[in-house]
Protein backbone atom coordinates (compact mmCIF):
# COMPACT_ATOMS: atom_id res chain seq x y z
CA MET A 1 15.14 -9.35 -19.00
CA LYS A 2 18.83 -8.56 -19.57
CA LEU A 3 21.06 -6.04 -17.87
CA LYS A 4 24.18 -4.46 -19.22
CA ARG A 5 26.46 -1.88 -17.48
CA GLY A 6 29.39 -4.11 -16.42
CA MET A 7 27.18 -6.74 -14.81
CA LYS A 8 26.91 -10.21 -16.19
CA SER A 9 23.61 -10.49 -18.08
CA LEU A 10 20.75 -11.94 -16.18
CA THR A 11 18.02 -13.86 -17.88
CA LEU A 12 15.54 -14.27 -15.08
CA LEU A 13 13.02 -16.26 -17.07
CA ASN A 14 15.53 -18.93 -17.98
CA GLN A 15 16.83 -19.17 -14.39
CA ILE A 16 13.38 -19.40 -12.93
CA ASN A 17 12.49 -22.09 -15.42
CA ASN A 18 15.49 -24.07 -14.15
CA THR A 19 13.74 -24.11 -10.73
CA MET A 20 16.20 -22.16 -8.64
CA GLY A 21 15.87 -22.42 -4.93
CA ALA A 22 14.74 -19.45 -2.82
CA ALA A 23 18.27 -18.72 -1.65
CA GLN A 24 19.60 -18.63 -5.20
CA ILE A 25 16.73 -16.47 -6.41
CA ARG A 26 17.30 -14.06 -3.50
CA GLU A 27 21.01 -13.75 -4.35
CA GLU A 28 20.25 -13.17 -8.04
CA LEU A 29 17.69 -10.52 -7.16
CA HIS A 30 20.20 -8.84 -4.77
CA GLN A 31 22.82 -8.70 -7.56
CA PHE A 32 20.17 -7.41 -10.05
CA ILE A 33 18.99 -4.65 -7.68
CA ASN A 34 22.52 -3.64 -6.71
CA HIS A 35 23.23 -2.86 -10.32
CA ALA A 36 19.88 -1.59 -11.52
CA ASP A 37 19.23 1.99 -12.63
CA GLU A 38 16.66 4.23 -10.94
CA ARG A 39 13.97 3.42 -13.51
CA VAL A 40 14.21 -0.30 -12.84
CA LEU A 41 14.31 0.27 -9.05
CA ASN A 42 11.13 2.33 -9.23
CA LEU A 43 9.45 -0.43 -11.26
CA ILE A 44 10.45 -3.14 -8.81
CA TYR A 45 9.46 -1.01 -5.83
CA GLY A 46 6.08 -0.28 -7.40
CA MET A 47 5.47 -4.04 -7.74
CA MET A 48 6.50 -4.79 -4.18
CA LYS A 49 4.93 -1.80 -2.41
CA PRO A 50 1.51 -3.42 -1.88
CA ASP A 51 3.27 -6.33 -0.11
CA ILE A 52 5.49 -3.91 1.91
CA GLU A 53 2.63 -1.66 2.99
CA PRO A 54 -0.41 -3.60 4.20
CA GLY A 55 -3.85 -2.16 3.56
CA ILE A 56 -4.59 1.44 4.19
CA LEU A 57 -6.80 0.70 7.26
CA THR A 58 -5.69 -0.78 10.49
CA THR A 59 -7.46 -3.98 11.63
CA GLU A 60 -9.41 -1.83 14.23
CA GLN A 61 -10.42 0.66 11.49
CA GLN A 62 -11.54 -2.12 9.14
CA GLU A 63 -13.64 -3.72 11.91
CA ASP A 64 -15.28 -0.36 12.63
CA LEU A 65 -15.94 0.21 8.95
CA ASP A 66 -17.47 -3.24 8.59
CA LYS A 67 -19.78 -2.59 11.53
CA ARG A 68 -20.85 0.73 10.03
CA ILE A 69 -21.51 -0.79 6.61
CA SER A 70 -23.58 -3.58 8.27
CA SER A 71 -25.55 -1.04 10.27
CA HIS A 72 -26.15 1.01 7.08
CA LYS A 73 -27.36 -2.01 5.14
CA LYS A 74 -29.83 -2.94 7.95
CA GLY A 75 -31.19 0.64 7.82
CA GLU A 76 -29.96 1.28 11.41
CA SER A 77 -27.90 4.32 10.57
CA LYS A 78 -28.80 7.67 9.15
CA SER A 79 -27.61 8.33 5.63
CA HIS A 80 -27.91 11.13 3.06
CA SER A 81 -27.84 11.35 -0.68
CA TRP A 82 -24.85 13.12 -2.22
CA SER A 83 -26.89 16.16 -3.10
CA GLY A 84 -28.41 16.26 0.37
CA ALA A 85 -24.99 16.04 1.99
CA ARG A 86 -23.67 18.84 -0.24
CA ALA A 87 -26.69 21.01 0.63
CA GLN A 88 -26.07 20.50 4.33
CA ILE A 89 -22.37 21.34 3.99
CA LYS A 90 -23.20 24.54 1.99
CA SER A 91 -25.76 25.62 4.60
CA ILE A 92 -23.07 25.43 7.34
CA ARG A 93 -20.68 27.72 5.47
């Protein structure tokens, strides 16, 4: 990947293949991001977003969901088909 716009060209693949240390990679990425256009920033952000934002559920919510799924699989909870659920909702309206 090469960048122009007054910044020295970066060839990340070659630099990574030369086994740069974490500090050097961090510095190169800082320089790259500081000079990147909005399109590139959005691409980088999209790749990093899953690591920045942990899962949608909190630990407590995930534990509750796991308990409910387990209860459902054991037949301990009441469940409805999609058509049954829709019928119930329509009858309330």
